[in-house]
Amino acid sequence: MKYVAKKPFLVVFIFTVVFVIFFDVVLDVENILIRTSISSFIAVLLAPRKKKIKTQTGAKTQITWLFLKEPITIE
């Protein structure tokens, strides 16, 4: 889970594809523009967030995500 959280572009791509398939198969939305835009919006909302934090040892990157209990800290 930590590897996936460090790659937000991969998470957005996977979520977008999954939601496009969901809207196409389950909800039967025929307009590809609406299907793709709603899927992309939801994927960006669910993607991990990166934040720069200044500590005494220097600047670190903190990754927070809806699916992680604790934030990941990268030096």
PDB file of N, CA and C in Angstrom:
ATOM      1  N   MET A   1       0.824  -1.187   0.000  1.00  0.00           N
ATOM      2  CA  MET A   1       0.000   0.000   0.000  1.00  0.00           C
ATOM      3  C   MET A   1       0.872   1.256   0.000  1.00  0.00           C
ATOM      4  N   LYS A   2       2.020   1.189   0.656  1.00  0.00           N
ATOM      5  CA  LYS A   2       2.894   2.356   0.698  1.00  0.00           C
ATOM      6  C   LYS A   2       3.488   2.655  -0.670  1.00  0.00           C
ATOM      7  N   TYR A   3       3.804   1.609  -1.447  1.00  0.00           N
ATOM      8  CA  TYR A   3       4.342   1.816  -2.794  1.00  0.00           C
ATOM      9  C   TYR A   3       3.320   2.532  -3.671  1.00  0.00           C
ATOM     10  N   VAL A   4       2.082   2.126  -3.576  1.00  0.00           N
ATOM     11  CA  VAL A   4       1.025   2.739  -4.378  1.00  0.00           C
ATOM     12  C   VAL A   4       0.792   4.181  -3.946  1.00  0.00           C
ATOM     13  N   ALA A   5       0.890   4.454  -2.657  1.00  0.00           N
ATOM     14  CA  ALA A   5       0.680   5.815  -2.165  1.00  0.00           C
ATOM     15  C   ALA A   5       1.779   6.764  -2.622  1.00  0.00           C
ATOM     16  N   LYS A   6       2.971   6.235  -2.881  1.00  0.00           N
ATOM     17  CA  LYS A   6       4.080   7.078  -3.336  1.00  0.00           C
ATOM     18  C   LYS A   6       3.972   7.418  -4.816  1.00  0.00           C
ATOM     19  N   LYS A   7       3.107   6.760  -5.552  1.00  0.00           N
ATOM     20  CA  LYS A   7       2.925   6.977  -6.987  1.00  0.00           C
ATOM     21  C   LYS A   7       1.516   7.503  -7.273  1.00  0.00           C
ATOM     22  N   PRO A   8       1.247   8.792  -7.018  1.00  0.00           N
ATOM     23  CA  PRO A   8      -0.123   9.296  -7.195  1.00  0.00           C
ATOM     24  C   PRO A   8      -0.610   9.265  -8.639  1.00  0.00           C
ATOM     25  N   PHE A   9       0.297   9.413  -9.608  1.00  0.00           N
ATOM     26  CA  PHE A   9      -0.129   9.373 -11.005  1.00  0.00           C
ATOM     27  C   PHE A   9      -0.644   7.982 -11.374  1.00  0.00           C
ATOM     28  N   LEU A  10      -0.051   6.948 -10.797  1.00  0.00           N
ATOM     29  CA  LEU A  10      -0.498   5.588 -11.047  1.00  0.00           C
ATOM     30  C   LEU A  10      -1.867   5.340 -10.425  1.00  0.00           C
ATOM     31  N   VAL A  11      -2.075   5.880  -9.237  1.00  0.00           N
ATOM     32  CA  VAL A  11      -3.352   5.729  -8.546  1.00  0.00           C
ATOM     33  C   VAL A  11      -4.464   6.436  -9.328  1.00  0.00           C
ATOM     34  N   VAL A  12      -4.201   7.641  -9.798  1.00  0.00           N
ATOM     35  CA  VAL A  12      -5.202   8.378 -10.562  1.00  0.00           C
ATOM     36  C   VAL A  12      -5.551   7.628 -11.840  1.00  0.00           C
ATOM     37  N   PHE A  13      -4.558   7.095 -12.525  1.00  0.00           N
ATOM     38  CA  PHE A  13      -4.810   6.345 -13.758  1.00  0.00           C
ATOM     39  C   PHE A  13      -5.650   5.100 -13.495  1.00  0.00           C
ATOM     40  N   ILE A  14      -5.294   4.336 -12.479  1.00  0.00           N
ATOM     41  CA  ILE A  14      -6.025   3.104 -12.169  1.00  0.00           C
ATOM     42  C   ILE A  14      -7.459   3.417 -11.757  1.00  0.00           C
ATOM     43  N   PHE A  15      -7.642   4.406 -10.873  1.00  0.00           N
ATOM     44  CA  PHE A  15      -8.987   4.786 -10.455  1.00  0.00           C
ATOM     45  C   PHE A  15      -9.820   5.281 -11.636  1.00  0.00           C
ATOM     46  N   THR A  16      -9.218   6.056 -12.531  1.00  0.00           N
ATOM     47  CA  THR A  16      -9.947   6.563 -13.684  1.00  0.00           C
ATOM     48  C   THR A  16     -10.430   5.422 -14.569  1.00  0.00           C
ATOM     49  N   VAL A  17      -9.557   4.476 -14.847  1.00  0.00           N
ATOM     50  CA  VAL A  17      -9.945   3.337 -15.692  1.00  0.00           C
ATOM     51  C   VAL A  17     -11.053   2.518 -15.025  1.00  0.00           C
ATOM     52  N   VAL A  18     -10.920   2.278 -13.738  1.00  0.00           N
ATOM     53  CA  VAL A  18     -11.929   1.494 -13.022  1.00  0.00           C
ATOM     54  C   VAL A  18     -13.277   2.205 -13.026  1.00  0.00           C
ATOM     55  N   PHE A  19     -13.274   3.508 -12.776  1.00  0.00           N
ATOM     56  CA  PHE A  19     -14.534   4.249 -12.752  1.00  0.00           C
ATOM     57  C   PHE A  19     -15.149   4.394 -14.143  1.00  0.00           C
ATOM     58  N   VAL A  20     -14.335   4.523 -15.176  1.00  0.00           N
ATOM     59  CA  VAL A  20     -14.863   4.576 -16.540  1.00  0.00           C
ATOM     60  C   VAL A  20     -15.560   3.260 -16.877  1.00  0.00           C
ATOM     61  N   ILE A  21     -14.935   2.154 -16.533  1.00  0.00           N
ATOM     62  CA  ILE A  21     -15.557   0.854 -16.775  1.00  0.00           C
ATOM     63  C   ILE A  21     -16.833   0.705 -15.954  1.00  0.00           C
ATOM     64  N   PHE A  22     -16.803   1.167 -14.704  1.00  0.00           N
ATOM     65  CA  PHE A  22     -17.990   1.104 -13.845  1.00  0.00           C
ATOM     66  C   PHE A  22     -19.143   1.912 -14.444  1.00  0.00           C
ATOM     67  N   PHE A  23     -18.860   3.154 -14.873  1.00  0.00           N
ATOM     68  CA  PHE A  23     -19.912   3.986 -15.445  1.00  0.00           C
ATOM     69  C   PHE A  23     -20.429   3.424 -16.770  1.00  0.00           C
ATOM     70  N   ASP A  24     -19.563   2.761 -17.509  1.00  0.00           N
ATOM     71  CA  ASP A  24     -19.973   2.200 -18.794  1.00  0.00           C
ATOM     72  C   ASP A  24     -20.808   0.933 -18.620  1.00  0.00           C
ATOM     73  N   VAL A  25     -20.348   0.013 -17.796  1.00  0.00           N
ATOM     74  CA  VAL A  25     -20.993  -1.287 -17.679  1.00  0.00           C
ATOM     75  C   VAL A  25     -22.179  -1.259 -16.716  1.00  0.00           C
ATOM     76  N   VAL A  26     -21.965  -0.729 -15.520  1.00  0.00           N
ATOM     77  CA  VAL A  26     -22.997  -0.798 -14.490  1.00  0.00           C
ATOM     78  C   VAL A  26     -24.060   0.284 -14.673  1.00  0.00           C
ATOM     79  N   LEU A  27     -23.634   1.536 -14.817  1.00  0.00           N
ATOM     80  CA  LEU A  27     -24.592   2.642 -14.900  1.00  0.00           C
ATOM     81  C   LEU A  27     -25.028   2.953 -16.327  1.00  0.00           C
ATOM     82  N   ASP A  28     -24.354   2.396 -17.311  1.00  0.00           N
ATOM     83  CA  ASP A  28     -24.694   2.545 -18.727  1.00  0.00           C
ATOM     84  C   ASP A  28     -24.747   4.013 -19.176  1.00  0.00           C
ATOM     85  N   VAL A  29     -23.721   4.765 -18.832  1.00  0.00           N
ATOM     86  CA  VAL A  29     -23.582   6.145 -19.287  1.00  0.00           C
ATOM     87  C   VAL A  29     -22.944   6.094 -20.677  1.00  0.00           C
ATOM     88  N   GLU A  30     -23.653   6.589 -21.694  1.00  0.00           N
ATOM     89  CA  GLU A  30     -23.188   6.445 -23.064  1.00  0.00           C
ATOM     90  C   GLU A  30     -22.256   7.564 -23.523  1.00  0.00           C
ATOM     91  N   ASN A  31     -22.378   8.750 -22.955  1.00  0.00           N
ATOM     92  CA  ASN A  31     -21.544   9.878 -23.362  1.00  0.00           C
ATOM     93  C   ASN A  31     -20.151   9.716 -22.763  1.00  0.00           C
ATOM     94  N   ILE A  32     -19.161   9.578 -23.640  1.00  0.00           N
ATOM     95  CA  ILE A  32     -17.792   9.320 -23.166  1.00  0.00           C
ATOM     96  C   ILE A  32     -17.201  10.530 -22.455  1.00  0.00           C
ATOM     97  N   LEU A  33     -17.593  11.736 -22.818  1.00  0.00           N
ATOM     98  CA  LEU A  33     -17.076  12.941 -22.164  1.00  0.00           C
ATOM     99  C   LEU A  33     -17.544  13.016 -20.716  1.00  0.00           C
ATOM    100  N   ILE A  34     -18.801  12.768 -20.488  1.00  0.00           N
ATOM    101  CA  ILE A  34     -19.335  12.791 -19.119  1.00  0.00           C
ATOM    102  C   ILE A  34     -18.726  11.657 -18.297  1.00  0.00           C
ATOM    103  N   ARG A  35     -18.643  10.481 -18.893  1.00  0.00           N
ATOM    104  CA  ARG A  35     -18.096   9.312 -18.203  1.00  0.00           C
ATOM    105  C   ARG A  35     -16.647   9.540 -17.780  1.00  0.00           C
ATOM    106  N   THR A  36     -15.843  10.090 -18.680  1.00  0.00           N
ATOM    107  CA  THR A  36     -14.432  10.313 -18.389  1.00  0.00           C
ATOM    108  C   THR A  36     -14.228  11.453 -17.402  1.00  0.00           C
ATOM    109  N   SER A  37     -14.973  12.530 -17.540  1.00  0.00           N
ATOM    110  CA  SER A  37     -14.783  13.672 -16.644  1.00  0.00           C
ATOM    111  C   SER A  37     -15.203  13.353 -15.215  1.00  0.00           C
ATOM    112  N   ILE A  38     -16.305  12.664 -15.040  1.00  0.00           N
ATOM    113  CA  ILE A  38     -16.731  12.287 -13.686  1.00  0.00           C
ATOM    114  C   ILE A  38     -15.743  11.292 -13.077  1.00  0.00           C
ATOM    115  N   SER A  39     -15.276  10.358 -13.880  1.00  0.00           N
ATOM    116  CA  SER A  39     -14.311   9.373 -13.388  1.00  0.00           C
ATOM    117  C   SER A  39     -12.993  10.025 -12.987  1.00  0.00           C
ATOM    118  N   SER A  40     -12.526  10.960 -13.789  1.00  0.00           N
ATOM    119  CA  SER A  40     -11.276  11.660 -13.471  1.00  0.00           C
ATOM    120  C   SER A  40     -11.411  12.494 -12.208  1.00  0.00           C
ATOM    121  N   PHE A  41     -12.538  13.167 -12.052  1.00  0.00           N
ATOM    122  CA  PHE A  41     -12.775  13.984 -10.865  1.00  0.00           C
ATOM    123  C   PHE A  41     -12.770  13.129  -9.598  1.00  0.00           C
ATOM    124  N   ILE A  42     -13.460  12.013  -9.619  1.00  0.00           N
ATOM    125  CA  ILE A  42     -13.497  11.122  -8.459  1.00  0.00           C
ATOM    126  C   ILE A  42     -12.112  10.542  -8.176  1.00  0.00           C
ATOM    127  N   ALA A  43     -11.371  10.208  -9.227  1.00  0.00           N
ATOM    128  CA  ALA A  43     -10.026   9.646  -9.054  1.00  0.00           C
ATOM    129  C   ALA A  43      -9.075  10.657  -8.419  1.00  0.00           C
ATOM    130  N   VAL A  44      -9.169  11.912  -8.816  1.00  0.00           N
ATOM    131  CA  VAL A  44      -8.305  12.947  -8.232  1.00  0.00           C
ATOM    132  C   VAL A  44      -8.658  13.174  -6.769  1.00  0.00           C
ATOM    133  N   LEU A  45      -9.926  13.096  -6.418  1.00  0.00           N
ATOM    134  CA  LEU A  45     -10.324  13.249  -5.019  1.00  0.00           C
ATOM    135  C   LEU A  45      -9.795  12.109  -4.147  1.00  0.00           C
ATOM    136  N   LEU A  46      -9.716  10.910  -4.695  1.00  0.00           N
ATOM    137  CA  LEU A  46      -9.265   9.749  -3.926  1.00  0.00           C
ATOM    138  C   LEU A  46      -7.755   9.533  -3.963  1.00  0.00           C
ATOM    139  N   ALA A  47      -7.038  10.298  -4.761  1.00  0.00           N
ATOM    140  CA  ALA A  47      -5.592  10.124  -4.910  1.00  0.00           C
ATOM    141  C   ALA A  47      -4.844  10.607  -3.664  1.00  0.00           C
ATOM    142  N   PRO A  48      -3.632  10.086  -3.435  1.00  0.00           N
ATOM    143  CA  PRO A  48      -2.819  10.529  -2.294  1.00  0.00           C
ATOM    144  C   PRO A  48      -2.381  11.991  -2.434  1.00  0.00           C
ATOM    145  N   ARG A  49      -2.203  12.658  -1.321  1.00  0.00           N
ATOM    146  CA  ARG A  49      -1.774  14.055  -1.300  1.00  0.00           C
ATOM    147  C   ARG A  49      -0.347  14.138  -0.763  1.00  0.00           C
ATOM    148  N   LYS A  50       0.474  14.966  -1.401  1.00  0.00           N
ATOM    149  CA  LYS A  50       1.849  15.203  -0.941  1.00  0.00           C
ATOM    150  C   LYS A  50       1.914  16.572  -0.298  1.00  0.00           C
ATOM    151  N   LYS A  51       2.653  16.643   0.801  1.00  0.00           N
ATOM    152  CA  LYS A  51       2.790  17.894   1.529  1.00  0.00           C
ATOM    153  C   LYS A  51       4.225  18.019   2.020  1.00  0.00           C
ATOM    154  N   LYS A  52       4.850  19.190   1.843  1.00  0.00           N
ATOM    155  CA  LYS A  52       6.208  19.446   2.346  1.00  0.00           C
ATOM    156  C   LYS A  52       6.111  19.912   3.784  1.00  0.00           C
ATOM    157  N   ILE A  53       6.912  19.279   4.648  1.00  0.00           N
ATOM    158  CA  ILE A  53       6.935  19.621   6.067  1.00  0.00           C
ATOM    159  C   ILE A  53       8.359  19.964   6.454  1.00  0.00           C
ATOM    160  N   LYS A  54       8.532  21.082   7.148  1.00  0.00           N
ATOM    161  CA  LYS A  54       9.847  21.465   7.642  1.00  0.00           C
ATOM    162  C   LYS A  54      10.004  20.970   9.069  1.00  0.00           C
ATOM    163  N   THR A  55      11.068  20.207   9.301  1.00  0.00           N
ATOM    164  CA  THR A  55      11.391  19.715  10.639  1.00  0.00           C
ATOM    165  C   THR A  55      12.771  20.222  11.028  1.00  0.00           C
ATOM    166  N   GLN A  56      13.213  19.863  12.205  1.00  0.00           N
ATOM    167  CA  GLN A  56      14.530  20.285  12.655  1.00  0.00           C
ATOM    168  C   GLN A  56      15.635  19.626  11.840  1.00  0.00           C
ATOM    169  N   THR A  57      15.365  18.461  11.301  1.00  0.00           N
ATOM    170  CA  THR A  57      16.383  17.758  10.513  1.00  0.00           C
ATOM    171  C   THR A  57      16.349  18.147   9.038  1.00  0.00           C
ATOM    172  N   GLY A  58      15.382  18.918   8.629  1.00  0.00           N
ATOM    173  CA  GLY A  58      15.291  19.344   7.233  1.00  0.00           C
ATOM    174  C   GLY A  58      13.889  19.168   6.686  1.00  0.00           C
ATOM    175  N   ALA A  59      13.732  19.464   5.408  1.00  0.00           N
ATOM    176  CA  ALA A  59      12.426  19.346   4.771  1.00  0.00           C
ATOM    177  C   ALA A  59      12.126  17.890   4.434  1.00  0.00           C
ATOM    178  N   LYS A  60      10.901  17.474   4.696  1.00  0.00           N
ATOM    179  CA  LYS A  60      10.463  16.120   4.397  1.00  0.00           C
ATOM    180  C   LYS A  60       9.136  16.193   3.649  1.00  0.00           C
ATOM    181  N   THR A  61       8.848  15.139   2.914  1.00  0.00           N
ATOM    182  CA  THR A  61       7.589  15.037   2.196  1.00  0.00           C
ATOM    183  C   THR A  61       6.677  14.073   2.940  1.00  0.00           C
ATOM    184  N   GLN A  62       5.465  14.512   3.201  1.00  0.00           N
ATOM    185  CA  GLN A  62       4.502  13.667   3.892  1.00  0.00           C
ATOM    186  C   GLN A  62       3.378  13.327   2.913  1.00  0.00           C
ATOM    187  N   ILE A  63       3.039  12.049   2.836  1.00  0.00           N
ATOM    188  CA  ILE A  63       1.983  11.584   1.951  1.00  0.00           C
ATOM    189  C   ILE A  63       0.812  11.129   2.799  1.00  0.00           C
ATOM    190  N   THR A  64      -0.346  11.728   2.570  1.00  0.00           N
ATOM    191  CA  THR A  64      -1.562  11.328   3.264  1.00  0.00           C
ATOM    192  C   THR A  64      -2.537  10.788   2.229  1.00  0.00           C
ATOM    193  N   TRP A  65      -3.311   9.803   2.672  1.00  0.00           N
ATOM    194  CA  TRP A  65      -4.244   9.162   1.767  1.00  0.00           C
ATOM    195  C   TRP A  65      -5.438   8.673   2.557  1.00  0.00           C
ATOM    196  N   LEU A  66      -6.564   8.631   1.917  1.00  0.00           N
ATOM    197  CA  LEU A  66      -7.798   8.186   2.548  1.00  0.00           C
ATOM    198  C   LEU A  66      -7.693   6.746   3.038  1.00  0.00           C
ATOM    199  N   PHE A  67      -6.927   5.904   2.339  1.00  0.00           N
ATOM    200  CA  PHE A  67      -6.860   4.480   2.640  1.00  0.00           C
ATOM    201  C   PHE A  67      -5.712   4.101   3.579  1.00  0.00           C
ATOM    202  N   LEU A  68      -4.931   5.068   4.058  1.00  0.00           N
ATOM    203  CA  LEU A  68      -3.848   4.794   4.997  1.00  0.00           C
ATOM    204  C   LEU A  68      -4.204   5.338   6.386  1.00  0.00           C
ATOM    205  N   LYS A  69      -3.864   4.583   7.411  1.00  0.00           N
ATOM    206  CA  LYS A  69      -4.136   5.031   8.776  1.00  0.00           C
ATOM    207  C   LYS A  69      -3.159   6.110   9.209  1.00  0.00           C
ATOM    208  N   GLU A  70      -1.891   5.928   8.869  1.00  0.00           N
ATOM    209  CA  GLU A  70      -0.851   6.883   9.252  1.00  0.00           C
ATOM    210  C   GLU A  70      -0.230   7.480   8.009  1.00  0.00           C
ATOM    211  N   PRO A  71       0.184   8.741   8.062  1.00  0.00           N
ATOM    212  CA  PRO A  71       0.861   9.336   6.892  1.00  0.00           C
ATOM    213  C   PRO A  71       2.243   8.735   6.697  1.00  0.00           C
ATOM    214  N   ILE A  72       2.696   8.722   5.455  1.00  0.00           N
ATOM    215  CA  ILE A  72       4.021   8.223   5.091  1.00  0.00           C
ATOM    216  C   ILE A  72       4.951   9.417   5.013  1.00  0.00           C
ATOM    217  N   THR A  73       6.124   9.317   5.626  1.00  0.00           N
ATOM    218  CA  THR A  73       7.100  10.398   5.591  1.00  0.00           C
ATOM    219  C   THR A  73       8.303   9.966   4.759  1.00  0.00           C
ATOM    220  N   ILE A  74       8.641  10.784   3.757  1.00  0.00           N
ATOM    221  CA  ILE A  74       9.785  10.524   2.892  1.00  0.00           C
ATOM    222  C   ILE A  74      10.795  11.627   3.121  1.00  0.00           C
ATOM    223  N   GLU A  75      12.042  11.268   3.266  1.00  0.00           N
ATOM    224  CA  GLU A  75      13.085  12.279   3.489  1.00  0.00           C
ATOM    225  C   GLU A  75      13.596  12.844   2.188  1.00  0.00           C
TER     226      GLU A  75
END
